[in-house]
Amino acid sequence: MHVSFVDVGGVRTRSIVAGKGQSVVLLHGIGMSADCFHRNILALAQTHRVIALDMLGHGFTAYPGFGNDGALHSLSRHVLAYLQHEGIGPAHLVGSSLGGGMVADIALMAPEQVRSCIIVGSSTPFARPDVLGVGLSRARDNAKHSLQTGAYEALKRRLRHLVYSDEGVSEELLTMQMTIYALEDRKSAYDALVDNVVANALDTWNVPERIAEINVPTLILAGRDDPRSPLDAIERGAIHMKSARLIVYDNCGHFPFLEHPERFNRDVANFLLEVEADQIGS
């Protein structure tokens, strides 16, 4: 496993990379970073090449601002530009929370780049733009104090609000998030993302109305006790996807990959191998 920095269209972009084989790209949620997958990268790298990416304005990836067609599409375009720059694709895309929306957006934007979709703890691909704006505003309210102070206790309270039990909050992640939040532009990037979605999503975010167009194998993993992405919203959206399978984790909040890592790693690995076997057979 190693960390890589590459220039993607003028944006210094960080990733954590491990393993060999078909590519699996991990996309985090708002205010998070590639490090949130620290309980998954090496496990999934036993059978695949795993790339956990810091998205635009997150982690240690630069923030040059967002484009004219909305912040969410800017995030997706940056991921897609990274894949093309690195010669990656088609790839399995895994997205947590906001990252789940990026997975769906990329599958619509460039289906030739996507081997399968895995959407984790995310109602973003299914939520109406106004509902999405409200959800992101609440996420910012939850993160506000930790972003302002970078303090350990504030960040721990923020993450504890999102998980079912204390086991879902790791010391490794807290330490890294404290470091990231100390970067001078991380709060402004977070605010700009939320403000842009609230102001522009009604005109720019069309993924929910196009969700039925996604025709690659899709696995949806959801926590029954998720306070950020309600299970009923995910269930209502999932029925519109032609090739989607939903698995619900009990005693689980917003981060199945952190709260139940062994089960998550097993479910994802089995799905990836099943997809690849089917694609070889066809």
Protein backbone atom coordinates (compact mmCIF):
# COMPACT_ATOMS: atom_id res chain seq x y z
CA MET A 1 0.00 0.00 0.00
CA HIS A 2 1.29 3.45 -0.87
CA VAL A 3 0.13 7.06 -1.18
CA SER A 4 0.30 8.77 -4.55
CA PHE A 5 -0.02 12.42 -5.62
CA VAL A 6 -0.66 13.16 -9.30
CA ASP A 7 -1.57 16.29 -11.23
CA VAL A 8 -5.03 15.88 -12.76
CA GLY A 9 -5.83 18.82 -15.00
CA GLY A 10 -3.90 21.15 -12.71
CA VAL A 11 -5.38 19.68 -9.51
CA ARG A 12 -2.96 17.94 -7.14
CA THR A 13 -4.81 14.74 -6.33
CA ARG A 14 -4.06 12.23 -3.58
CA SER A 15 -4.90 8.53 -3.55
CA ILE A 16 -4.09 5.45 -1.47
CA VAL A 17 -3.30 2.47 -3.69
CA ALA A 18 -2.84 -1.23 -2.95
CA GLY A 19 -3.07 -4.62 -4.65
CA LYS A 20 -3.25 -5.91 -8.21
CA GLY A 21 -5.98 -6.97 -10.62
CA GLN A 22 -9.21 -5.30 -11.69
CA SER A 23 -9.49 -1.77 -10.29
CA VAL A 24 -11.79 -0.88 -7.40
CA VAL A 25 -12.13 2.85 -6.75
CA LEU A 26 -13.33 3.96 -3.29
CA LEU A 27 -15.04 7.36 -2.96
CA HIS A 28 -15.70 8.89 0.47
CA GLY A 29 -18.49 11.18 1.68
CA ILE A 30 -18.58 14.91 2.33
CA GLY A 31 -15.97 16.13 4.80
CA MET A 32 -14.21 12.77 4.78
CA SER A 33 -11.16 11.44 2.91
CA ALA A 34 -9.72 8.25 1.45
CA ASP A 35 -8.53 7.37 4.95
CA CYS A 36 -12.06 6.47 6.05
CA PHE A 37 -11.54 3.17 4.20
CA HIS A 38 -8.55 2.17 6.32
CA ARG A 39 -10.39 -0.97 7.52
CA ASN A 40 -11.08 -2.08 3.94
CA ILE A 41 -8.23 -1.23 1.58
CA LEU A 42 -5.84 -4.07 2.39
CA ALA A 43 -8.63 -6.63 2.68
CA LEU A 44 -10.03 -5.79 -0.75
CA ALA A 45 -6.50 -5.60 -2.15
CA GLN A 46 -6.16 -9.34 -1.64
CA THR A 47 -8.05 -9.84 -4.91
CA HIS A 48 -8.13 -6.42 -6.62
CA ARG A 49 -6.22 -3.22 -7.24
CA VAL A 50 -7.75 -0.75 -4.79
CA ILE A 51 -7.61 3.02 -5.24
CA ALA A 52 -9.06 5.16 -2.44
CA LEU A 53 -9.29 8.70 -3.75
CA ASP A 54 -9.44 12.09 -2.05
CA MET A 55 -12.12 13.91 -4.02
CA LEU A 56 -11.94 17.57 -5.04
CA GLY A 57 -11.47 19.83 -2.01
CA HIS A 58 -11.30 16.87 0.38
CA GLY A 59 -8.46 15.16 2.20
CA PHE A 60 -5.19 16.31 0.65
CA THR A 61 -6.55 16.97 -2.83
CA ALA A 62 -6.49 20.60 -3.95
CA TYR A 63 -9.54 22.82 -4.19
CA PRO A 64 -9.57 25.06 -7.31
CA GLY A 65 -13.29 25.81 -7.07
CA PHE A 66 -16.29 24.22 -8.75
CA GLY A 67 -17.44 24.44 -12.36
CA ASN A 68 -20.48 26.14 -13.84
CA ASP A 69 -22.65 23.01 -13.96
CA GLY A 70 -22.66 22.47 -10.20
CA ALA A 71 -20.37 21.24 -7.45
CA LEU A 72 -21.59 17.64 -7.60
CA HIS A 73 -20.81 17.25 -11.30
CA SER A 74 -17.43 18.92 -10.65
CA LEU A 75 -16.63 16.19 -8.12
CA SER A 76 -17.65 13.50 -10.62
CA ARG A 77 -15.68 15.04 -13.47
CA HIS A 78 -12.58 15.20 -11.30
CA VAL A 79 -12.87 11.50 -10.44
CA LEU A 80 -13.42 10.66 -14.10
CA ALA A 81 -10.41 12.80 -15.12
CA TYR A 82 -8.29 10.95 -12.55
CA LEU A 83 -9.36 7.56 -13.94
CA GLN A 84 -8.54 8.66 -17.47
CA HIS A 85 -5.22 10.21 -16.41
CA GLU A 86 -4.17 6.98 -14.72
CA GLY A 87 -5.50 4.73 -17.49
CA ILE A 88 -7.98 3.08 -15.13
CA GLY A 89 -11.13 1.54 -16.50
CA PRO A 90 -13.53 0.09 -16.69
CA ALA A 91 -13.48 0.00 -12.89
CA HIS A 92 -15.67 -1.04 -10.02
CA LEU A 93 -16.81 2.16 -8.28
CA VAL A 94 -17.61 2.17 -4.56
CA GLY A 95 -19.12 5.31 -3.02
CA SER A 96 -20.00 6.17 0.57
CA SER A 97 -22.68 8.77 1.30
CA LEU A 98 -22.03 11.69 -1.10
CA GLY A 99 -19.57 9.43 -2.91
CA GLY A 100 -22.49 7.14 -3.76
CA GLY A 101 -23.94 9.99 -5.75
CA MET A 102 -20.64 10.41 -7.59
CA VAL A 103 -20.66 6.70 -8.46
CA ALA A 104 -24.13 7.02 -10.02
CA ASP A 105 -23.23 10.26 -11.79
CA ILE A 106 -20.11 8.76 -13.34
CA ALA A 107 -22.07 5.67 -14.43
CA LEU A 108 -24.40 8.01 -16.32
CA MET A 109 -21.67 10.32 -17.56
CA ALA A 110 -19.23 7.67 -18.79
CA PRO A 111 -20.75 4.17 -18.62
CA GLU A 112 -17.80 2.73 -20.53
CA GLN A 113 -15.61 3.54 -17.50
CA VAL A 114 -17.77 1.56 -15.04
CA ARG A 115 -17.70 -2.19 -14.48
CA SER A 116 -20.06 -2.13 -11.49
CA CYS A 117 -21.46 0.24 -8.87
CA ILE A 118 -21.46 -0.21 -5.11
CA ILE A 119 -23.45 2.44 -3.25
CA VAL A 120 -22.88 2.52 0.52
CA GLY A 121 -24.99 4.35 3.09
CA SER A 122 -26.16 6.79 0.44
CA SER A 123 -29.48 8.28 -0.55
CA THR A 124 -27.67 10.86 -2.73
CA PRO A 125 -28.39 9.07 -6.03
CA PHE A 126 -32.09 8.91 -5.19
CA ALA A 127 -32.84 12.17 -3.33
CA ARG A 128 -34.63 15.11 -4.91
CA PRO A 129 -32.27 18.10 -5.19
CA ASP A 130 -34.09 20.09 -2.50
CA VAL A 131 -33.98 17.13 -0.11
CA LEU A 132 -30.29 16.62 -0.88
CA GLY A 133 -29.60 20.27 -0.09
CA VAL A 134 -31.31 19.95 3.28
CA GLY A 135 -29.35 16.78 4.07
CA LEU A 136 -26.00 18.37 3.23
CA SER A 137 -26.88 21.45 5.28
CA ARG A 138 -27.55 19.19 8.27
CA ALA A 139 -24.25 17.42 7.66
CA ARG A 140 -22.50 20.79 7.73
CA ASP A 141 -24.26 21.72 10.97
CA ASN A 142 -23.01 18.46 12.50
CA ALA A 143 -19.46 19.12 11.27
CA LYS A 144 -19.35 22.87 11.92
CA HIS A 145 -17.59 22.87 15.28
CA SER A 146 -15.05 20.21 14.34
CA LEU A 147 -14.22 22.06 11.10
CA GLN A 148 -13.75 25.34 12.96
CA THR A 149 -11.61 24.01 15.80
CA GLY A 150 -10.09 20.77 14.49
CA ALA A 151 -10.38 19.54 18.07
CA TYR A 152 -10.36 15.85 18.91
CA GLU A 153 -13.49 15.84 21.07
CA ALA A 154 -15.50 17.89 18.57
CA LEU A 155 -14.59 15.57 15.73
CA LYS A 156 -15.31 12.49 17.81
CA ARG A 157 -18.78 13.82 18.65
CA ARG A 158 -19.42 14.54 14.98
CA LEU A 159 -18.55 11.01 13.87
CA ARG A 160 -20.24 9.37 16.86
CA HIS A 161 -23.50 10.99 15.76
CA LEU A 162 -23.32 9.06 12.49
CA VAL A 163 -22.63 5.52 13.72
CA TYR A 164 -24.57 2.95 15.72
CA SER A 165 -21.89 2.33 18.36
CA ASP A 166 -18.45 3.52 19.43
CA GLU A 167 -16.74 0.79 17.41
CA GLY A 168 -17.60 2.73 14.27
CA VAL A 169 -15.26 5.59 15.24
CA SER A 170 -11.57 4.72 15.00
CA GLU A 171 -8.62 6.55 16.54
CA GLU A 172 -6.76 6.24 13.23
CA LEU A 173 -9.49 8.11 11.39
CA LEU A 174 -9.82 10.77 14.07
CA THR A 175 -6.12 11.58 13.94
CA MET A 176 -6.11 11.90 10.16
CA GLN A 177 -9.30 13.98 10.07
CA MET A 178 -7.82 16.38 12.64
CA THR A 179 -4.83 16.87 10.36
CA ILE A 180 -7.01 17.47 7.30
CA TYR A 181 -9.32 19.91 9.06
CA ALA A 182 -6.27 21.96 10.05
CA LEU A 183 -5.63 22.74 6.36
CA GLU A 184 -6.64 26.34 5.78
CA ASP A 185 -9.01 25.79 2.85
CA ARG A 186 -10.92 22.69 3.97
CA LYS A 187 -13.71 24.58 5.72
CA SER A 188 -14.18 26.99 2.82
CA ALA A 189 -14.30 24.05 0.38
CA TYR A 190 -16.91 22.30 2.54
CA ASP A 191 -19.02 25.46 2.77
CA ALA A 192 -18.74 26.13 -0.96
CA LEU A 193 -19.90 22.60 -1.78
CA VAL A 194 -22.99 22.80 0.43
CA ASP A 195 -23.84 26.35 -0.66
CA ASN A 196 -23.49 25.38 -4.31
CA VAL A 197 -25.79 22.37 -3.93
CA VAL A 198 -28.41 24.40 -2.05
CA ALA A 199 -28.33 27.14 -4.69
CA ASN A 200 -27.92 25.13 -7.88
CA ALA A 201 -28.92 21.48 -7.44
CA LEU A 202 -32.48 22.06 -8.65
CA ASP A 203 -31.04 23.12 -11.99
CA THR A 204 -28.02 20.81 -12.21
CA TRP A 205 -28.52 17.54 -10.26
CA ASN A 206 -30.47 15.18 -12.54
CA VAL A 207 -29.15 11.83 -11.32
CA PRO A 208 -32.32 10.83 -9.38
CA GLU A 209 -34.54 11.26 -12.44
CA ARG A 210 -32.08 9.27 -14.57
CA ILE A 211 -31.29 6.52 -12.06
CA ALA A 212 -33.15 3.87 -14.10
CA GLU A 213 -30.68 4.42 -16.96
CA ILE A 214 -27.86 2.81 -14.98
CA ASN A 215 -27.59 -0.71 -16.31
CA VAL A 216 -24.41 -2.10 -14.75
CA PRO A 217 -24.48 -4.56 -11.83
CA THR A 218 -25.12 -2.57 -8.67
CA LEU A 219 -24.83 -3.48 -5.00
CA ILE A 220 -26.45 -1.19 -2.44
CA LEU A 221 -25.36 -1.54 1.20
CA ALA A 222 -27.34 0.33 3.86
CA GLY A 223 -27.42 0.58 7.64
CA ARG A 224 -30.80 0.07 9.20
CA ASP A 225 -30.05 2.78 11.78
CA ASP A 226 -28.46 5.33 9.43
CA PRO A 227 -29.32 8.87 10.67
CA ARG A 228 -28.10 10.57 7.49
CA SER A 229 -29.42 8.37 4.66
CA PRO A 230 -32.76 6.86 5.77
CA LEU A 231 -33.33 3.28 4.71
CA ASP A 232 -36.79 3.97 3.31
CA ALA A 233 -35.37 6.59 0.93
CA ILE A 234 -32.77 4.10 -0.29
CA GLU A 235 -35.36 1.37 -0.71
CA ARG A 236 -37.63 3.66 -2.74
CA GLY A 237 -34.77 4.61 -5.03
CA ALA A 238 -33.28 1.15 -5.43
CA ILE A 239 -36.41 -0.32 -6.99
CA HIS A 240 -35.85 1.89 -10.05
CA MET A 241 -32.43 0.40 -10.80
CA LYS A 242 -32.55 -2.52 -13.24
CA SER A 243 -29.59 -4.46 -11.89
CA ALA A 244 -29.49 -3.50 -8.22
CA ARG A 245 -29.31 -5.68 -5.14
CA LEU A 246 -29.88 -4.23 -1.65
CA ILE A 247 -28.31 -5.60 1.52
CA VAL A 248 -29.29 -4.07 4.87
CA TYR A 249 -26.97 -4.21 7.88
CA ASP A 250 -28.60 -4.35 11.31
CA ASN A 251 -27.08 -2.38 14.20
CA CYS A 252 -25.42 -0.11 11.67
CA GLY A 253 -25.41 3.61 11.02
CA HIS A 254 -23.95 5.66 8.18
CA PHE A 255 -20.66 3.80 7.66
CA PRO A 256 -21.10 0.03 7.09
CA PHE A 257 -17.46 -0.22 5.98
CA LEU A 258 -16.26 1.11 9.36
CA GLU A 259 -18.94 -0.38 11.59
CA HIS A 260 -18.97 -3.91 10.12
CA PRO A 261 -15.70 -4.07 8.15
CA GLU A 262 -15.35 -7.85 7.98
CA ARG A 263 -18.86 -8.33 6.64
CA PHE A 264 -18.50 -5.35 4.31
CA ASN A 265 -15.20 -6.61 2.90
CA ARG A 266 -16.66 -10.07 2.36
CA ASP A 267 -19.86 -8.81 0.74
CA VAL A 268 -17.98 -6.48 -1.59
CA ALA A 269 -15.34 -9.06 -2.55
CA ASN A 270 -17.98 -11.69 -3.29
CA PHE A 271 -19.97 -9.23 -5.41
CA LEU A 272 -16.90 -8.16 -7.39
CA LEU A 273 -15.89 -11.73 -8.14
CA GLU A 274 -19.46 -12.61 -9.11
CA VAL A 275 -19.65 -9.65 -11.50
CA GLU A 276 -16.33 -10.50 -13.10
CA ALA A 277 -17.29 -14.16 -13.52
CA ASP A 278 -20.56 -13.15 -15.20
CA GLN A 279 -18.78 -10.70 -17.50
CA ILE A 280 -16.22 -13.31 -18.51
CA GLY A 281 -19.01 -15.80 -19.17
CA SER A 282 -20.90 -13.37 -21.36
